[in-house]
Amino acid sequence: MSDSQAINQAVANLYNTYPFPPDPLSDLEPPGYNWRWSWTAAYSFCTGIKPETQNIRILDAGCGTGSGTDYLIHLNPEAEVTAIDLSEKALEVAEERCNRSGVIAKHAKPVKFFNLKLEEATQLEGEFDFINCVGVLHHLPEPEKGIQALAKKLKPGGILHIFVYAELGRWEISLMQKAIALLQGDKRGDYRDGVKVGREVFANLPENNRILKQEKERWALENHRDEAFADMYVHPQEIDYNVETLFELIDASGLDFVGFSNPKYWQLDRLVGESSDLMQRAKNLSDRKLYRLIELLDPNLTHYEFFLAKPPLSKKDWSSDETLSKAIPECSPCMQGFPSKNFLNFEYQMVNLSDDEYEFMLACDKNTEQQTSVAKILNNCQLDLTGVRSLHERQLIILSTKA
């Protein structure tokens, strides 16, 4: 058995022992949403415009126990969804989850599950418009081969959503992983023993210990489940990235970097914006060096979440007043509590609309069928084009053009 095969087998053994994520099964549709798993919301974020069709193919690459798959099926009712994972046990839970929640029964298109490693995604038929790969690449023996396999299956004009670990915000986790491995010795690979050892270490560390403090402050709530604890602290294979190594991985894919899905973090002015000298010096940095500077100054980031695309991916420019006036606005599919002036947005953060914004969005809420232009809606409310752009930038509305 090669080293890569041995690593993949060890990872499969972990998730067969502790299927992850350990979210409970439910007889109800998934609550809430993750906008990154909505084709409409994700495509609009990447391009500025609503996708032309909802009749697409989606791949959940490394689905685990199917929490994300459940959402992908639920949020994309016209899509054909395929999910793959190397763990037979996790895949069984994923299929049971999606059947029990009822999303498959309500879904018009096929939903398929395959026991495949990420590198084997090339065995799947056809190409995919939207690929979701969350928490997987950093567990592969050769992540470059994994991302290249996904790139081969991405349709031209398609988008790939990725989540991988960041080293700076996981420093204490990495130390604990190494400590548990030393204490396990020859028992490494016995994941139940690893969890036992790790629990005992945390129970005996002094209260002011940095690793213990990080666990209590950031992870203890989710790590009360052994499945989550094992995934974090006794995983047999993990690669943590920094901006430099992350972009080496992205470059290896041959795909275009579209952007991080948390753009506010990547704004330097939130850190040193009061210094005009530092901001001026930073203007000479490339995007990648600027990203590196930001993570060095704010090293709490535990993961990178971003979109890649296979060219050509056309982006829409709404800077022209004439172009924006002709656009067809709709409310984002990822909001909770609207219609109301106060509701939860795409990131589950509270939004407080002005009277004019609320009036405009009420008209947008009816616009999926009516197809009324921005200009016509503005004739009947007090909002201006600057306000419309603000709603779009805040991902509260989706814009399209008439067919």
Protein backbone atom coordinates (compact mmCIF):
# COMPACT_ATOMS: atom_id res chain seq x y z
CA MET A 1 0.00 0.00 0.00
CA SER A 2 1.41 3.41 -0.98
CA ASP A 3 1.74 6.27 1.51
CA SER A 4 -1.23 8.07 -0.11
CA GLN A 5 -3.39 4.96 0.09
CA ALA A 6 -2.41 4.45 3.72
CA ILE A 7 -3.34 8.04 4.59
CA ASN A 8 -6.68 7.81 2.80
CA GLN A 9 -7.41 4.55 4.61
CA ALA A 10 -6.54 6.13 7.96
CA VAL A 11 -8.86 9.06 7.23
CA ALA A 12 -11.64 6.68 6.20
CA ASN A 13 -11.10 4.71 9.43
CA LEU A 14 -11.46 7.90 11.48
CA TYR A 15 -14.75 8.85 9.86
CA ASN A 16 -16.06 5.28 9.97
CA THR A 17 -15.36 5.39 13.72
CA TYR A 18 -16.59 8.94 14.24
CA PRO A 19 -18.85 10.02 11.33
CA PHE A 20 -18.56 13.79 10.90
CA PRO A 21 -20.17 16.24 11.27
CA PRO A 22 -22.23 14.82 14.16
CA ASP A 23 -25.31 16.96 13.50
CA PRO A 24 -28.41 15.08 14.66
CA LEU A 25 -30.77 13.60 12.06
CA SER A 26 -34.15 15.27 11.73
CA ASP A 27 -37.51 14.60 10.15
CA LEU A 28 -37.68 18.29 9.21
CA GLU A 29 -36.11 20.24 6.35
CA PRO A 30 -32.79 21.88 7.30
CA PRO A 31 -33.31 25.08 9.30
CA GLY A 32 -31.87 28.33 8.03
CA TYR A 33 -29.38 28.46 5.19
CA ASN A 34 -25.76 28.89 4.20
CA TRP A 35 -25.68 31.34 1.30
CA ARG A 36 -22.48 29.77 -0.04
CA TRP A 37 -24.55 26.65 -0.80
CA SER A 38 -27.23 28.55 -2.70
CA TRP A 39 -26.44 28.58 -6.42
CA THR A 40 -28.29 31.89 -6.89
CA ALA A 41 -26.64 33.66 -3.95
CA ALA A 42 -23.16 32.26 -4.60
CA TYR A 43 -23.26 32.98 -8.33
CA SER A 44 -24.49 36.53 -7.70
CA PHE A 45 -21.67 37.07 -5.20
CA CYS A 46 -19.11 35.88 -7.76
CA THR A 47 -20.50 37.68 -10.81
CA GLY A 48 -22.84 40.43 -9.62
CA ILE A 49 -25.78 38.97 -11.52
CA LYS A 50 -28.42 36.26 -11.10
CA PRO A 51 -27.57 33.01 -12.93
CA GLU A 52 -29.46 32.45 -16.16
CA THR A 53 -30.68 29.02 -15.13
CA GLN A 54 -31.42 26.97 -12.02
CA ASN A 55 -31.28 23.74 -14.05
CA ILE A 56 -27.73 22.84 -13.04
CA ARG A 57 -25.57 19.98 -11.75
CA ILE A 58 -24.06 20.25 -8.26
CA LEU A 59 -21.30 18.13 -6.73
CA ASP A 60 -20.80 17.94 -2.96
CA ALA A 61 -17.20 16.74 -2.91
CA GLY A 62 -16.49 15.15 0.45
CA CYS A 63 -20.00 15.32 1.89
CA GLY A 64 -19.33 13.61 5.23
CA THR A 65 -22.60 12.93 7.02
CA GLY A 66 -24.49 15.15 4.60
CA SER A 67 -25.28 18.30 6.57
CA GLY A 68 -24.15 20.41 3.62
CA THR A 69 -25.74 18.05 1.10
CA ASP A 70 -29.08 18.46 2.85
CA TYR A 71 -28.82 22.22 2.36
CA LEU A 72 -27.60 21.96 -1.24
CA ILE A 73 -30.65 19.88 -2.14
CA HIS A 74 -33.00 22.14 -0.18
CA LEU A 75 -31.64 25.47 -1.47
CA ASN A 76 -31.37 24.39 -5.12
CA PRO A 77 -34.68 22.64 -5.93
CA GLU A 78 -34.08 22.50 -9.70
CA ALA A 79 -30.55 21.09 -9.51
CA GLU A 80 -29.25 17.56 -9.97
CA VAL A 81 -27.13 16.86 -6.88
CA THR A 82 -24.32 14.31 -6.50
CA ALA A 83 -22.47 13.68 -3.23
CA ILE A 84 -19.26 11.70 -2.72
CA ASP A 85 -17.22 10.68 0.33
CA LEU A 86 -14.49 8.16 1.12
CA SER A 87 -16.17 7.02 4.37
CA GLU A 88 -18.85 4.38 3.86
CA LYS A 89 -20.32 5.01 7.31
CA ALA A 90 -20.50 8.80 6.85
CA LEU A 91 -22.07 8.33 3.42
CA GLU A 92 -24.74 6.06 4.91
CA VAL A 93 -25.59 8.76 7.44
CA ALA A 94 -25.67 11.39 4.66
CA GLU A 95 -28.15 9.43 2.61
CA GLU A 96 -30.30 8.71 5.67
CA ARG A 97 -30.21 12.39 6.66
CA CYS A 98 -31.38 13.63 3.27
CA ASN A 99 -34.12 11.01 3.08
CA ARG A 100 -35.36 11.66 6.61
CA SER A 101 -35.46 15.45 6.19
CA GLY A 102 -37.71 15.01 3.17
CA VAL A 103 -35.60 17.11 0.79
CA ILE A 104 -35.02 14.20 -1.60
CA ALA A 105 -38.72 13.32 -1.80
CA LYS A 106 -39.53 16.92 -2.74
CA HIS A 107 -36.66 17.21 -5.19
CA ALA A 108 -37.51 17.02 -8.88
CA LYS A 109 -34.03 15.99 -10.03
CA PRO A 110 -31.91 12.94 -9.14
CA VAL A 111 -29.81 12.92 -5.96
CA LYS A 112 -26.94 10.43 -6.04
CA PHE A 113 -24.41 9.23 -3.44
CA PHE A 114 -21.10 7.56 -4.29
CA ASN A 115 -18.37 6.08 -2.10
CA LEU A 116 -15.42 7.77 -3.79
CA LYS A 117 -12.28 9.58 -2.70
CA LEU A 118 -12.03 13.19 -3.83
CA GLU A 119 -9.23 12.29 -6.23
CA GLU A 120 -11.64 9.83 -7.89
CA ALA A 121 -14.20 12.52 -8.76
CA THR A 122 -13.00 12.25 -12.36
CA GLN A 123 -14.87 8.92 -12.53
CA LEU A 124 -18.20 10.76 -12.33
CA GLU A 125 -20.10 11.38 -15.54
CA GLY A 126 -20.22 14.85 -17.08
CA GLU A 127 -19.32 18.23 -15.64
CA PHE A 128 -20.77 20.28 -12.80
CA ASP A 129 -21.88 23.91 -12.71
CA PHE A 130 -21.33 24.22 -8.97
CA ILE A 131 -18.94 22.20 -6.80
CA ASN A 132 -18.89 22.42 -3.01
CA CYS A 133 -15.77 21.20 -1.18
CA VAL A 134 -15.84 22.02 2.52
CA GLY A 135 -13.27 20.73 5.00
CA VAL A 136 -11.78 18.10 2.70
CA LEU A 137 -8.70 19.21 0.76
CA HIS A 138 -6.62 19.77 3.90
CA HIS A 139 -7.14 16.11 4.85
CA LEU A 140 -5.83 14.68 1.57
CA PRO A 141 -2.34 13.18 1.23
CA GLU A 142 -1.89 15.24 -1.95
CA PRO A 143 -4.32 18.20 -1.97
CA GLU A 144 -3.07 19.35 -5.38
CA LYS A 145 -4.34 16.13 -6.97
CA GLY A 146 -7.68 16.59 -5.25
CA ILE A 147 -8.23 20.15 -6.42
CA GLN A 148 -7.07 19.22 -9.93
CA ALA A 149 -9.62 16.41 -10.03
CA LEU A 150 -12.37 18.88 -9.11
CA ALA A 151 -11.13 21.38 -11.69
CA LYS A 152 -11.47 18.72 -14.40
CA LYS A 153 -15.12 18.19 -13.42
CA LEU A 154 -16.02 21.89 -13.29
CA LYS A 155 -17.96 23.17 -16.25
CA PRO A 156 -16.61 26.27 -18.07
CA GLY A 157 -18.29 29.22 -16.39
CA GLY A 158 -18.85 27.13 -13.25
CA ILE A 159 -17.84 27.97 -9.70
CA LEU A 160 -16.08 25.97 -6.99
CA HIS A 161 -16.60 26.75 -3.30
CA ILE A 162 -13.73 25.69 -1.01
CA PHE A 163 -13.07 25.66 2.74
CA VAL A 164 -9.59 24.81 4.07
CA TYR A 165 -7.82 25.34 7.38
CA ALA A 166 -5.63 28.37 8.17
CA GLU A 167 -2.53 27.76 10.26
CA LEU A 168 -2.34 30.96 12.31
CA GLY A 169 -5.73 30.62 13.98
CA ARG A 170 -5.23 26.88 14.58
CA TRP A 171 -1.82 27.09 16.23
CA GLU A 172 -3.03 25.75 19.60
CA ILE A 173 -4.97 22.97 17.87
CA SER A 174 -1.83 21.89 16.06
CA LEU A 175 0.13 21.78 19.31
CA MET A 176 -2.55 19.66 20.97
CA GLN A 177 -2.63 17.26 18.01
CA LYS A 178 1.11 16.70 18.34
CA ALA A 179 0.88 16.28 22.12
CA ILE A 180 -1.84 13.63 21.85
CA ALA A 181 0.16 11.78 19.19
CA LEU A 182 3.22 11.67 21.50
CA LEU A 183 1.15 10.38 24.41
CA GLN A 184 -0.56 7.73 22.27
CA GLY A 185 2.70 6.35 20.93
CA ASP A 186 2.05 2.99 19.28
CA LYS A 187 -1.68 3.43 19.85
CA ARG A 188 -1.85 6.26 17.34
CA GLY A 189 -4.60 5.36 14.89
CA ASP A 190 -6.82 4.12 17.71
CA TYR A 191 -9.12 7.11 17.55
CA ARG A 192 -11.18 6.24 20.61
CA ASP A 193 -7.97 6.08 22.63
CA GLY A 194 -6.91 9.40 21.12
CA VAL A 195 -10.12 11.06 22.28
CA LYS A 196 -9.66 9.56 25.76
CA VAL A 197 -6.09 10.88 25.96
CA GLY A 198 -7.08 14.31 24.71
CA ARG A 199 -9.97 14.63 27.16
CA GLU A 200 -7.64 13.69 30.02
CA VAL A 201 -5.04 16.24 28.96
CA PHE A 202 -7.60 19.04 28.93
CA ALA A 203 -8.95 17.90 32.30
CA ASN A 204 -5.51 18.26 33.86
CA LEU A 205 -3.99 21.35 32.25
CA PRO A 206 -3.76 24.41 34.53
CA GLU A 207 -6.48 27.01 34.08
CA ASN A 208 -4.11 29.62 32.66
CA ASN A 209 -2.76 27.25 30.01
CA ARG A 210 -3.00 28.82 26.54
CA ILE A 211 -4.19 25.65 24.79
CA LEU A 212 -6.91 25.05 27.39
CA LYS A 213 -8.05 28.68 27.25
CA GLN A 214 -8.41 28.50 23.46
CA GLU A 215 -10.40 25.27 23.74
CA LYS A 216 -12.77 26.76 26.30
CA GLU A 217 -13.19 30.08 24.49
CA ARG A 218 -13.56 28.82 20.92
CA TRP A 219 -14.21 25.11 20.58
CA ALA A 220 -15.61 23.49 23.73
CA LEU A 221 -19.26 23.93 22.75
CA GLU A 222 -18.91 21.88 19.57
CA ASN A 223 -16.25 19.56 20.98
CA HIS A 224 -18.51 18.14 23.66
CA ARG A 225 -19.30 15.53 20.99
CA ASP A 226 -16.53 12.98 20.55
CA GLU A 227 -16.97 13.11 16.76
CA ALA A 228 -16.03 16.79 16.71
CA PHE A 229 -13.23 16.35 19.24
CA ALA A 230 -11.73 13.52 17.17
CA ASP A 231 -11.97 15.50 13.94
CA MET A 232 -10.14 18.41 15.54
CA TYR A 233 -7.50 16.76 17.71
CA VAL A 234 -6.78 13.18 16.57
CA HIS A 235 -7.08 13.47 12.80
CA PRO A 236 -4.42 11.39 11.02
CA GLN A 237 -3.91 13.89 8.20
CA GLU A 238 -4.09 17.66 8.24
CA ILE A 239 -2.46 20.45 6.29
CA ASP A 240 -2.90 24.00 7.59
CA TYR A 241 -2.38 26.79 5.08
CA ASN A 242 -1.22 30.37 5.06
CA VAL A 243 -1.95 32.83 2.27
CA GLU A 244 1.24 31.93 0.44
CA THR A 245 0.72 28.16 0.49
CA LEU A 246 -3.00 28.63 -0.16
CA PHE A 247 -2.36 30.36 -3.44
CA GLU A 248 0.14 27.70 -4.41
CA LEU A 249 -2.75 25.24 -4.07
CA ILE A 250 -5.05 27.52 -6.06
CA ASP A 251 -2.45 27.97 -8.80
CA ALA A 252 -2.10 24.18 -9.03
CA SER A 253 -5.82 23.94 -9.86
CA GLY A 254 -5.52 26.03 -13.03
CA LEU A 255 -8.71 27.85 -11.99
CA ASP A 256 -9.26 31.57 -11.45
CA PHE A 257 -9.48 32.98 -7.93
CA VAL A 258 -12.80 34.85 -7.67
CA GLY A 259 -12.58 36.02 -4.08
CA PHE A 260 -12.87 35.21 -0.40
CA SER A 261 -16.45 34.79 0.79
CA ASN A 262 -15.73 36.95 3.87
CA PRO A 263 -14.42 40.12 2.15
CA LYS A 264 -14.76 42.31 5.26
CA TYR A 265 -11.95 40.41 6.97
CA TRP A 266 -9.66 41.21 4.05
CA GLN A 267 -9.97 45.00 4.42
CA LEU A 268 -6.71 46.48 5.76
CA ASP A 269 -8.35 49.72 6.85
CA ARG A 270 -10.16 47.96 9.69
CA LEU A 271 -6.73 47.25 11.23
CA VAL A 272 -4.52 50.25 10.41
CA GLY A 273 -6.94 52.60 8.67
CA GLU A 274 -6.15 55.47 11.02
CA SER A 275 -2.58 55.61 9.71
CA SER A 276 -2.47 57.28 6.30
CA ASP A 277 1.24 56.41 6.05
CA LEU A 278 0.67 52.67 6.51
CA MET A 279 -2.28 52.65 4.14
CA GLN A 280 -0.17 54.46 1.53
CA ARG A 281 2.67 51.95 1.93
CA ALA A 282 0.23 49.08 1.51
CA LYS A 283 -0.97 50.44 -1.84
CA ASN A 284 2.24 49.13 -3.41
CA LEU A 285 1.48 45.55 -2.35
CA SER A 286 0.01 42.95 -4.68
CA ASP A 287 -3.32 41.45 -3.68
CA ARG A 288 -1.65 38.33 -2.35
CA LYS A 289 0.89 40.27 -0.28
CA LEU A 290 -1.92 42.44 1.05
CA TYR A 291 -3.84 39.32 2.10
CA ARG A 292 -0.68 38.03 3.80
CA LEU A 293 -0.23 41.31 5.66
CA ILE A 294 -3.81 41.21 6.91
CA GLU A 295 -3.60 37.66 8.25
CA LEU A 296 -0.29 38.45 9.96
CA LEU A 297 -1.85 41.44 11.71
CA ASP A 298 -5.03 39.55 12.62
CA PRO A 299 -3.94 35.92 13.17
CA ASN A 300 -7.25 34.61 14.50
CA LEU A 301 -8.47 33.28 11.15
CA THR A 302 -9.04 29.52 11.46
CA HIS A 303 -10.01 28.79 7.87
CA TYR A 304 -10.18 30.20 4.37
CA GLU A 305 -13.45 30.11 2.48
CA PHE A 306 -13.41 31.22 -1.13
CA PHE A 307 -14.63 30.73 -4.70
CA LEU A 308 -12.72 29.62 -7.78
CA ALA A 309 -14.06 29.61 -11.33
CA LYS A 310 -13.29 27.95 -14.64
CA PRO A 311 -13.16 30.60 -17.40
CA PRO A 312 -15.06 32.14 -18.92
CA LEU A 313 -16.99 33.57 -15.96
CA SER A 314 -18.58 36.86 -16.98
CA LYS A 315 -19.03 39.53 -14.34
CA LYS A 316 -21.65 42.26 -14.52
CA ASP A 317 -20.71 45.90 -13.95
CA TRP A 318 -23.58 47.92 -12.48
CA SER A 319 -21.62 51.19 -12.17
CA SER A 320 -23.56 52.77 -15.04
CA ASP A 321 -26.80 54.40 -13.86
CA GLU A 322 -28.45 53.52 -17.15
CA THR A 323 -27.52 49.84 -16.84
CA LEU A 324 -28.61 49.64 -13.22
CA SER A 325 -31.92 51.37 -13.96
CA LYS A 326 -32.81 48.62 -16.45
CA ALA A 327 -31.93 45.78 -14.05
CA ILE A 328 -34.57 43.49 -12.57
CA PRO A 329 -34.14 43.36 -8.76
CA GLU A 330 -35.25 40.47 -6.54
CA CYS A 331 -34.78 39.81 -2.84
CA SER A 332 -31.91 37.53 -1.91
CA PRO A 333 -33.01 33.92 -1.35
CA CYS A 334 -30.94 33.85 1.84
CA MET A 335 -32.71 36.01 4.41
CA GLN A 336 -34.81 35.21 7.45
CA GLY A 337 -37.59 37.37 8.88
CA PHE A 338 -38.38 39.45 5.80
CA PRO A 339 -40.73 41.23 5.14
CA SER A 340 -39.77 43.39 8.08
CA LYS A 341 -37.45 46.34 8.55
CA ASN A 342 -35.42 44.17 10.90
CA PHE A 343 -34.36 40.68 9.77
CA LEU A 344 -31.39 38.34 9.48
CA ASN A 345 -29.25 38.70 6.37
CA PHE A 346 -27.14 36.17 4.46
CA GLU A 347 -24.64 35.94 7.34
CA TYR A 348 -27.33 35.68 10.05
CA GLN A 349 -26.59 39.27 11.09
CA MET A 350 -29.38 41.69 11.98
CA VAL A 351 -30.29 44.19 9.27
CA ASN A 352 -32.12 47.43 10.00
CA LEU A 353 -33.65 48.92 6.84
CA SER A 354 -34.60 52.53 6.39
CA ASP A 355 -38.17 53.29 5.35
CA ASP A 356 -37.07 53.86 1.74
CA GLU A 357 -35.01 50.66 1.61
CA TYR A 358 -37.90 48.67 3.06
CA GLU A 359 -40.35 50.09 0.50
CA PHE A 360 -37.98 49.17 -2.35
CA MET A 361 -37.40 45.64 -1.05
CA LEU A 362 -41.12 45.05 -0.64
CA ALA A 363 -41.45 45.67 -4.38
CA CYS A 364 -38.48 43.36 -5.04
CA ASP A 365 -40.15 40.62 -3.01
CA LYS A 366 -42.90 40.42 -5.65
CA ASN A 367 -40.57 40.77 -8.59
CA THR A 368 -39.71 37.16 -9.44
CA GLU A 369 -42.84 37.00 -11.60
CA GLN A 370 -43.52 40.68 -12.30
CA GLN A 371 -40.02 41.46 -13.67
CA THR A 372 -40.27 45.19 -12.95
CA SER A 373 -37.14 47.25 -13.57
CA VAL A 374 -35.26 49.24 -10.95
CA ALA A 375 -36.30 52.48 -12.66
CA LYS A 376 -40.01 51.66 -12.49
CA ILE A 377 -39.80 50.66 -8.83
CA LEU A 378 -37.93 53.86 -7.99
CA ASN A 379 -40.76 55.86 -9.58
CA ASN A 380 -42.95 54.74 -6.69
CA CYS A 381 -40.53 55.06 -3.77
CA GLN A 382 -37.95 57.49 -2.40
CA LEU A 383 -34.81 55.37 -2.70
CA ASP A 384 -32.16 56.41 -5.24
CA LEU A 385 -29.68 54.39 -7.32
CA THR A 386 -26.99 54.77 -4.66
CA GLY A 387 -29.35 53.08 -2.23
CA VAL A 388 -30.02 50.27 -4.72
CA ARG A 389 -26.29 49.68 -5.12
CA SER A 390 -25.94 49.54 -1.35
CA LEU A 391 -28.63 46.85 -1.10
CA HIS A 392 -26.89 44.87 -3.83
CA GLU A 393 -23.44 45.20 -2.25
CA ARG A 394 -24.90 44.01 1.06
CA GLN A 395 -26.31 40.95 -0.75
CA LEU A 396 -29.88 41.84 0.15
CA ILE A 397 -31.01 41.92 -3.48
CA ILE A 398 -30.10 39.98 -6.62
CA LEU A 399 -29.97 41.74 -9.99
CA SER A 400 -30.64 40.36 -13.45
CA THR A 401 -31.36 41.61 -16.93
CA LYS A 402 -34.42 40.91 -19.04
CA ALA A 403 -34.09 37.96 -21.37
